[in-house]
Amino acid sequence: MEIVKLTLIGFVLGITTIIPGISAATMAVAFNVYDRLINVIVPNVKKILGSWLFWLPMVIGGAAGIFFASKVFTVLFANYYIPTYWFFIGVITGSIPAIFLKTQKPVLIKTPDDQKSAQSGEELSANHPVKQKTLTSCRTVVCAVLALAAMAAMAMLKPEEGAAVYTELTLPLFGLLVMAGALGALAMIIPGISGAFVLLVTGFYRTVLQSVSDMNIPLLIPVIAGAIIGLLAGAAFVRFLLAKAPNETYGAVLGLVAGSVIVLYPGGIGEGAVIVISMLCLSAGFAISFFMGRKNHISF
């Protein structure tokens, strides 16, 4: 059952990977697999092979999702554009409460008995009741606000895609595709930022999408090579941040995830029956990620 679940999650992540404006890492956070993905993306063959029951189903599902989306997502967004985006917005907003919990840190509250024990020089026993509360630091709030502002700026500055579509590989194009794949993967590993959006900015989105749809292997090889480099670098960077400043990093992730709603906003909720369908999609997406996050608290 776990394998089926991971395969389905991988399928969804594969779809979101190639849709500009939708962060695959955000979806991984929503489905409570981001932490495990970050920890398995390491230059350690033994550790990777030891976790194959986790990543292999997701890789298979992800590959299927990418191929599926490259064939049909244009039709889906052409005919059900607004409801589809509202579903993804629901998934993202439903994950926010669980992410918010990770921005907080426990603070012990000394009771009168604790103070008396401290004054008398006694040590608290392991069974001594300890009260605590959770607080979000000012630095964490600042990181969240800055990340949210960055996403808002990204939404306003979103460029139009270029028309160039490359179908034949050349030596200069090989290097450019490696670089584009690395930048896209590096962005993809950070919640809230879309790797496909970065490809859109660099002008290689349609080339990569067409190559996947046509299974143009020569063009896909440099993209995949660059993506591997970007994933390893991105995962190491995220692990470093979480080790040095976990609460602040969670705050930035919260801002990026919340800000991705601005990027995804389709401009309205439609008219007539589309309004009802959009709201149902929003509710369904929210319920899926909210209850998954509630059942399995997100931990990076």
Protein backbone atom coordinates (compact mmCIF):
# COMPACT_ATOMS: atom_id res chain seq x y z
CA MET A 1 0.00 0.00 0.00
CA GLU A 2 2.88 2.36 0.84
CA ILE A 3 4.46 1.70 -2.56
CA VAL A 4 1.20 2.58 -4.33
CA LYS A 5 0.91 5.77 -2.27
CA LEU A 6 4.48 6.82 -3.08
CA THR A 7 3.96 6.07 -6.77
CA LEU A 8 0.84 8.25 -6.86
CA ILE A 9 2.64 11.06 -5.02
CA GLY A 10 5.50 10.78 -7.50
CA PHE A 11 2.98 10.96 -10.34
CA VAL A 12 1.57 14.24 -8.97
CA LEU A 13 5.07 15.65 -8.43
CA GLY A 14 5.95 14.70 -12.00
CA ILE A 15 2.97 16.62 -13.32
CA THR A 16 3.74 19.71 -11.25
CA THR A 17 7.40 19.59 -12.27
CA ILE A 18 6.65 20.72 -15.81
CA ILE A 19 3.92 23.28 -15.08
CA PRO A 20 5.34 26.82 -14.75
CA GLY A 21 4.32 28.51 -11.52
CA ILE A 22 3.63 25.31 -9.60
CA SER A 23 6.40 24.18 -7.26
CA ALA A 24 7.02 20.43 -7.11
CA ALA A 25 8.82 20.95 -3.79
CA THR A 26 5.73 22.67 -2.40
CA MET A 27 3.67 19.64 -3.37
CA ALA A 28 6.27 17.39 -1.74
CA VAL A 29 5.86 19.44 1.45
CA ALA A 30 2.08 19.17 1.20
CA PHE A 31 2.28 15.38 0.84
CA ASN A 32 4.82 15.07 3.68
CA VAL A 33 7.68 13.56 1.67
CA TYR A 34 9.94 16.60 1.25
CA ASP A 35 12.16 15.81 4.23
CA ARG A 36 12.81 12.25 3.05
CA LEU A 37 13.53 13.44 -0.48
CA ILE A 38 16.06 15.99 0.74
CA ASN A 39 17.83 13.40 2.88
CA VAL A 40 18.04 10.79 0.12
CA ILE A 41 19.46 13.18 -2.51
CA VAL A 42 23.10 12.80 -1.48
CA PRO A 43 26.34 11.81 -3.27
CA ASN A 44 26.34 8.55 -1.32
CA VAL A 45 25.54 5.50 -3.42
CA LYS A 46 25.17 3.19 -0.40
CA LYS A 47 22.62 5.47 1.27
CA ILE A 48 20.70 5.95 -1.97
CA LEU A 49 20.51 2.21 -2.65
CA GLY A 50 19.46 1.59 0.95
CA SER A 51 16.42 3.86 0.45
CA TRP A 52 15.27 2.40 -2.83
CA LEU A 53 11.88 1.32 -1.47
CA PHE A 54 11.13 5.00 -0.96
CA TRP A 55 12.59 6.73 -4.01
CA LEU A 56 12.09 4.09 -6.72
CA PRO A 57 8.26 4.17 -6.64
CA MET A 58 8.41 7.97 -6.65
CA VAL A 59 10.84 8.02 -9.57
CA ILE A 60 8.60 5.65 -11.56
CA GLY A 61 5.51 7.69 -10.71
CA GLY A 62 7.35 10.94 -11.42
CA ALA A 63 8.54 9.79 -14.83
CA ALA A 64 5.01 8.68 -15.70
CA GLY A 65 3.62 12.00 -14.46
CA ILE A 66 6.07 14.03 -16.54
CA PHE A 67 5.31 12.04 -19.70
CA PHE A 68 1.56 12.14 -19.04
CA ALA A 69 1.52 15.87 -18.35
CA SER A 70 3.63 16.65 -21.41
CA LYS A 71 0.93 15.02 -23.53
CA VAL A 72 -2.29 16.20 -21.90
CA PHE A 73 -1.73 19.17 -19.59
CA THR A 74 -2.13 21.65 -22.43
CA VAL A 75 -5.59 20.20 -23.08
CA LEU A 76 -6.46 20.24 -19.37
CA PHE A 77 -5.48 23.85 -18.88
CA ALA A 78 -7.08 24.89 -22.16
CA ASN A 79 -10.46 23.45 -21.14
CA TYR A 80 -10.40 23.47 -17.31
CA TYR A 81 -7.82 26.17 -16.64
CA ILE A 82 -9.48 27.89 -13.67
CA PRO A 83 -10.68 24.80 -11.70
CA THR A 84 -7.31 23.10 -12.16
CA TYR A 85 -5.38 26.02 -10.73
CA TRP A 86 -7.83 26.36 -7.84
CA PHE A 87 -7.23 22.70 -6.98
CA PHE A 88 -3.49 23.31 -6.75
CA ILE A 89 -4.10 26.44 -4.69
CA GLY A 90 -6.19 24.32 -2.32
CA VAL A 91 -3.39 21.76 -1.97
CA ILE A 92 -0.89 24.51 -1.18
CA THR A 93 -3.05 26.42 1.32
CA GLY A 94 -3.97 23.19 3.07
CA SER A 95 -0.30 22.56 3.84
CA ILE A 96 0.30 25.99 5.42
CA PRO A 97 -0.92 25.14 8.98
CA ALA A 98 1.47 22.21 9.27
CA ILE A 99 4.38 24.25 7.91
CA PHE A 100 3.58 27.08 10.34
CA LEU A 101 4.03 24.67 13.26
CA LYS A 102 7.62 24.13 12.15
CA THR A 103 8.40 27.85 12.40
CA GLN A 104 7.84 27.72 16.13
CA LYS A 105 10.24 26.64 18.83
CA PRO A 106 9.39 25.41 22.34
CA VAL A 107 10.03 27.75 25.25
CA LEU A 108 10.06 26.34 28.77
CA ILE A 109 7.98 28.12 31.41
CA LYS A 110 9.31 27.99 34.93
CA THR A 111 6.68 27.33 37.57
CA PRO A 112 6.97 28.52 41.21
CA ASP A 113 8.08 25.01 42.19
CA ASP A 114 10.83 25.15 39.57
CA GLN A 115 12.09 28.44 40.98
CA LYS A 116 12.10 27.10 44.55
CA SER A 117 14.04 24.04 43.41
CA ALA A 118 16.55 26.22 41.58
CA GLN A 119 17.05 28.44 44.66
CA SER A 120 17.62 25.41 46.90
CA GLY A 121 20.06 23.89 44.42
CA GLU A 122 17.90 20.84 43.71
CA GLU A 123 17.82 19.26 40.27
CA LEU A 124 14.50 18.63 38.57
CA SER A 125 13.64 14.97 38.25
CA ALA A 126 12.89 13.43 34.88
CA ASN A 127 9.25 13.07 35.88
CA HIS A 128 8.92 16.67 37.03
CA PRO A 129 6.08 18.35 35.12
CA VAL A 130 7.37 21.01 32.73
CA LYS A 131 5.16 23.58 31.06
CA GLN A 132 6.10 24.97 27.69
CA LYS A 133 4.73 27.16 24.95
CA THR A 134 5.75 27.77 21.37
CA LEU A 135 6.82 31.05 19.84
CA THR A 136 7.77 32.29 16.38
CA SER A 137 10.85 34.52 16.54
CA CYS A 138 11.10 37.93 14.87
CA ARG A 139 13.86 36.65 12.59
CA THR A 140 11.59 33.84 11.42
CA VAL A 141 8.80 36.33 10.69
CA VAL A 142 11.21 38.54 8.74
CA CYS A 143 12.37 35.55 6.65
CA ALA A 144 8.74 34.65 5.92
CA VAL A 145 7.86 38.21 4.88
CA LEU A 146 10.92 38.54 2.64
CA ALA A 147 10.18 35.20 0.95
CA LEU A 148 6.54 36.19 0.47
CA ALA A 149 7.64 39.51 -1.07
CA ALA A 150 10.01 37.68 -3.42
CA MET A 151 7.18 35.47 -4.65
CA ALA A 152 4.92 38.50 -5.14
CA ALA A 153 7.65 40.17 -7.20
CA MET A 154 8.08 36.99 -9.22
CA ALA A 155 4.35 36.96 -9.97
CA MET A 156 4.47 40.55 -11.23
CA LEU A 157 7.60 40.04 -13.31
CA LYS A 158 6.61 36.71 -14.85
CA PRO A 159 7.84 36.81 -18.44
CA GLU A 160 6.21 35.59 -21.59
CA GLU A 161 7.75 32.45 -23.02
CA GLY A 162 10.00 32.76 -26.04
CA ALA A 163 9.03 31.14 -29.32
CA ALA A 164 12.28 29.29 -30.05
CA VAL A 165 12.01 25.49 -29.92
CA TYR A 166 15.23 23.54 -30.53
CA THR A 167 14.96 20.04 -31.95
CA GLU A 168 18.60 19.26 -32.90
CA LEU A 169 21.49 19.10 -30.47
CA THR A 170 24.63 21.18 -31.03
CA LEU A 171 27.70 21.60 -28.82
CA PRO A 172 26.79 25.13 -27.63
CA LEU A 173 23.19 24.01 -27.04
CA PHE A 174 24.46 21.05 -24.99
CA GLY A 175 26.15 23.39 -22.53
CA LEU A 176 23.16 25.70 -22.35
CA LEU A 177 20.78 22.80 -21.68
CA VAL A 178 23.04 21.47 -18.90
CA MET A 179 23.01 24.92 -17.29
CA ALA A 180 19.24 25.29 -17.74
CA GLY A 181 18.62 21.82 -16.26
CA ALA A 182 20.85 22.61 -13.25
CA LEU A 183 19.15 25.95 -12.57
CA GLY A 184 15.69 24.41 -12.98
CA ALA A 185 16.47 21.54 -10.59
CA LEU A 186 18.10 23.89 -8.07
CA ALA A 187 14.94 26.01 -8.07
CA MET A 188 12.71 22.95 -7.98
CA ILE A 189 14.21 21.72 -4.71
CA ILE A 190 13.16 24.95 -2.93
CA PRO A 191 9.47 25.01 -1.91
CA GLY A 192 7.52 27.78 -3.59
CA ILE A 193 9.80 28.15 -6.60
CA SER A 194 8.94 26.41 -9.85
CA GLY A 195 11.73 24.74 -11.80
CA ALA A 196 9.61 25.00 -14.96
CA PHE A 197 9.28 28.73 -14.30
CA VAL A 198 13.08 29.04 -14.34
CA LEU A 199 13.16 27.17 -17.66
CA LEU A 200 10.55 29.63 -18.89
CA VAL A 201 12.76 32.55 -17.85
CA THR A 202 15.83 31.06 -19.55
CA GLY A 203 13.85 30.40 -22.74
CA PHE A 204 14.22 26.60 -22.79
CA TYR A 205 10.83 25.56 -21.41
CA ARG A 206 9.18 24.72 -24.73
CA THR A 207 12.33 22.97 -25.95
CA VAL A 208 12.42 20.71 -22.90
CA LEU A 209 8.65 20.11 -22.99
CA GLN A 210 8.73 19.21 -26.68
CA SER A 211 11.73 16.94 -26.12
CA VAL A 212 9.86 15.03 -23.39
CA SER A 213 6.74 14.73 -25.51
CA ASP A 214 8.74 13.49 -28.54
CA MET A 215 11.20 11.44 -26.42
CA ASN A 216 14.08 13.32 -28.04
CA ILE A 217 16.82 11.52 -26.08
CA PRO A 218 19.83 13.53 -27.38
CA LEU A 219 18.27 16.76 -26.12
CA LEU A 220 17.12 15.21 -22.84
CA ILE A 221 20.57 13.86 -21.88
CA PRO A 222 22.15 17.28 -21.11
CA VAL A 223 18.97 18.41 -19.32
CA ILE A 224 19.00 15.31 -17.10
CA ALA A 225 22.74 15.68 -16.41
CA GLY A 226 22.23 19.30 -15.37
CA ALA A 227 19.20 18.35 -13.25
CA ILE A 228 21.25 15.79 -11.29
CA ILE A 229 23.89 18.44 -10.55
CA GLY A 230 21.22 20.94 -9.50
CA LEU A 231 19.41 18.45 -7.27
CA LEU A 232 22.56 17.43 -5.40
CA ALA A 233 23.61 21.06 -4.90
CA GLY A 234 20.11 22.19 -3.94
CA ALA A 235 19.54 19.38 -1.45
CA ALA A 236 22.92 20.05 0.21
CA PHE A 237 22.07 23.75 0.44
CA VAL A 238 18.69 23.09 2.07
CA ARG A 239 20.21 20.63 4.54
CA PHE A 240 22.83 23.24 5.48
CA LEU A 241 20.18 25.88 6.13
CA LEU A 242 18.08 23.53 8.23
CA ALA A 243 21.11 22.56 10.30
CA LYS A 244 22.24 26.14 10.93
CA ALA A 245 18.95 28.04 11.15
CA PRO A 246 15.96 25.65 11.16
CA ASN A 247 13.23 28.00 12.36
CA GLU A 248 14.29 30.80 10.02
CA THR A 249 14.43 28.33 7.13
CA TYR A 250 10.94 27.09 7.95
CA GLY A 251 9.82 30.72 7.99
CA ALA A 252 11.25 31.30 4.52
CA VAL A 253 9.61 28.10 3.28
CA LEU A 254 6.30 29.29 4.73
CA GLY A 255 6.63 32.59 2.88
CA LEU A 256 7.55 30.86 -0.38
CA VAL A 257 4.66 28.39 -0.11
CA ALA A 258 2.13 31.10 0.78
CA GLY A 259 3.50 33.35 -1.96
CA SER A 260 3.11 30.63 -4.57
CA VAL A 261 -0.65 31.15 -4.26
CA ILE A 262 -0.10 34.64 -5.71
CA VAL A 263 1.82 33.17 -8.65
CA LEU A 264 -0.85 30.53 -9.25
CA TYR A 265 -3.90 32.80 -8.94
CA PRO A 266 -5.77 32.32 -12.25
CA GLY A 267 -7.32 35.79 -12.26
CA GLY A 268 -10.79 34.84 -10.98
CA ILE A 269 -13.10 31.95 -10.16
CA GLY A 270 -14.95 31.81 -13.46
CA GLU A 271 -18.64 32.22 -14.15
CA GLY A 272 -21.75 30.12 -13.59
CA ALA A 273 -21.05 26.45 -12.99
CA VAL A 274 -17.30 27.04 -13.20
CA ILE A 275 -17.48 28.93 -9.88
CA VAL A 276 -18.98 25.91 -8.14
CA ILE A 277 -16.49 23.53 -9.76
CA SER A 278 -13.57 25.80 -8.85
CA MET A 279 -14.64 25.99 -5.22
CA LEU A 280 -15.12 22.23 -5.06
CA CYS A 281 -11.63 21.77 -6.49
CA LEU A 282 -10.24 24.26 -3.98
CA SER A 283 -11.95 22.45 -1.10
CA ALA A 284 -10.80 19.03 -2.30
CA GLY A 285 -7.20 20.16 -2.67
CA PHE A 286 -7.22 21.83 0.75
CA ALA A 287 -8.73 18.78 2.45
CA ILE A 288 -6.18 16.40 0.91
CA SER A 289 -3.09 18.28 2.08
CA PHE A 290 -4.55 19.55 5.37
CA PHE A 291 -5.56 16.15 6.68
CA MET A 292 -2.37 14.51 5.43
CA GLY A 293 -0.36 17.20 7.24
CA ARG A 294 -2.50 16.78 10.35
CA LYS A 295 -2.06 13.02 10.37
CA ASN A 296 1.65 13.13 9.57
CA HIS A 297 3.21 16.30 10.93
CA ILE A 298 5.60 17.70 8.37
CA SER A 299 9.21 17.51 9.43
CA PHE A 300 12.16 18.43 7.24
